[in-house]
């Protein structure tokens, strides 16, 4: 598994970043979207993978 940093843009012009574990970048996008859904966030307008990181703390 690899660690990825994912950035979420919301309609209220705020951003949020997540550190997620996945085997490829597409799975990182899915993991971030599922985490947003679990938190009840419904106004996301963009999700992008910023890059691969060394650990979840980066």
C-alpha atoms as a PDB file:
ATOM      1  CA  UNK A   1       0.000   0.000   0.000  1.00  0.00           C
ATOM      2  CA  UNK A   2       1.056   3.559  -0.733  1.00  0.00           C
ATOM      3  CA  UNK A   3       0.190   6.830   0.978  1.00  0.00           C
ATOM      4  CA  UNK A   4      -1.359   9.692  -0.982  1.00  0.00           C
ATOM      5  CA  UNK A   5      -2.269  13.277  -0.172  1.00  0.00           C
ATOM      6  CA  UNK A   6      -5.694  14.182  -1.617  1.00  0.00           C
ATOM      7  CA  UNK A   7      -7.151  17.702  -1.862  1.00  0.00           C
ATOM      8  CA  UNK A   8     -10.911  18.362  -1.777  1.00  0.00           C
ATOM      9  CA  UNK A   9     -12.401  21.628  -3.055  1.00  0.00           C
ATOM     10  CA  UNK A  10     -15.836  22.555  -1.741  1.00  0.00           C
ATOM     11  CA  UNK A  11     -18.531  24.853  -3.119  1.00  0.00           C
ATOM     12  CA  UNK A  12     -18.068  27.206  -0.166  1.00  0.00           C
ATOM     13  CA  UNK A  13     -14.516  27.882  -1.502  1.00  0.00           C
ATOM     14  CA  UNK A  14     -12.771  26.004   1.288  1.00  0.00           C
ATOM     15  CA  UNK A  15     -10.315  23.195   0.774  1.00  0.00           C
ATOM     16  CA  UNK A  16      -9.494  20.152   2.782  1.00  0.00           C
ATOM     17  CA  UNK A  17      -6.659  17.665   2.491  1.00  0.00           C
ATOM     18  CA  UNK A  18      -6.660  14.007   3.442  1.00  0.00           C
ATOM     19  CA  UNK A  19      -3.829  11.540   3.775  1.00  0.00           C
ATOM     20  CA  UNK A  20      -5.112   8.182   2.576  1.00  0.00           C
ATOM     21  CA  UNK A  21      -3.726   4.696   2.034  1.00  0.00           C
ATOM     22  CA  UNK A  22      -4.322   3.048  -1.326  1.00  0.00           C
ATOM     23  CA  UNK A  23      -2.531   0.931  -3.883  1.00  0.00           C
ATOM     24  CA  UNK A  24      -3.007   3.448  -6.727  1.00  0.00           C
ATOM     25  CA  UNK A  25      -4.157   7.049  -7.138  1.00  0.00           C
ATOM     26  CA  UNK A  26      -7.656   6.141  -8.364  1.00  0.00           C
ATOM     27  CA  UNK A  27      -8.282   4.211  -5.166  1.00  0.00           C
ATOM     28  CA  UNK A  28      -7.039   7.234  -3.185  1.00  0.00           C
ATOM     29  CA  UNK A  29      -9.732   9.365  -4.842  1.00  0.00           C
ATOM     30  CA  UNK A  30     -12.371   6.804  -3.927  1.00  0.00           C
ATOM     31  CA  UNK A  31     -11.142   6.593  -0.328  1.00  0.00           C
ATOM     32  CA  UNK A  32     -11.328  10.387   0.045  1.00  0.00           C
ATOM     33  CA  UNK A  33     -14.831  10.492  -1.477  1.00  0.00           C
ATOM     34  CA  UNK A  34     -16.034   7.775   0.879  1.00  0.00           C
ATOM     35  CA  UNK A  35     -14.570   9.614   3.853  1.00  0.00           C
ATOM     36  CA  UNK A  36     -16.417  12.779   2.805  1.00  0.00           C
ATOM     37  CA  UNK A  37     -19.652  10.836   2.486  1.00  0.00           C
ATOM     38  CA  UNK A  38     -19.179   9.328   5.952  1.00  0.00           C
ATOM     39  CA  UNK A  39     -18.715  12.833   7.377  1.00  0.00           C
ATOM     40  CA  UNK A  40     -21.859  14.105   5.626  1.00  0.00           C
ATOM     41  CA  UNK A  41     -20.076  16.511   3.267  1.00  0.00           C
ATOM     42  CA  UNK A  42     -22.222  16.869   0.133  1.00  0.00           C
ATOM     43  CA  UNK A  43     -20.852  20.047  -1.484  1.00  0.00           C
ATOM     44  CA  UNK A  44     -17.513  18.815  -2.847  1.00  0.00           C
ATOM     45  CA  UNK A  45     -16.831  20.145  -6.328  1.00  0.00           C
ATOM     46  CA  UNK A  46     -13.379  18.724  -6.968  1.00  0.00           C
ATOM     47  CA  UNK A  47     -11.068  15.989  -5.743  1.00  0.00           C
ATOM     48  CA  UNK A  48      -7.450  15.697  -6.832  1.00  0.00           C
ATOM     49  CA  UNK A  49      -4.470  13.636  -5.799  1.00  0.00           C
ATOM     50  CA  UNK A  50      -1.643  16.004  -4.867  1.00  0.00           C
ATOM     51  CA  UNK A  51       0.941  13.262  -4.816  1.00  0.00           C
ATOM     52  CA  UNK A  52       2.469  10.322  -3.092  1.00  0.00           C
ATOM     53  CA  UNK A  53       3.789  10.837   0.448  1.00  0.00           C
ATOM     54  CA  UNK A  54       6.103   8.818   2.695  1.00  0.00           C
ATOM     55  CA  UNK A  55       3.743   8.379   5.659  1.00  0.00           C
ATOM     56  CA  UNK A  56       0.269   9.337   6.808  1.00  0.00           C
ATOM     57  CA  UNK A  57       1.814  12.066   8.983  1.00  0.00           C
ATOM     58  CA  UNK A  58       3.375  13.998   6.041  1.00  0.00           C
END
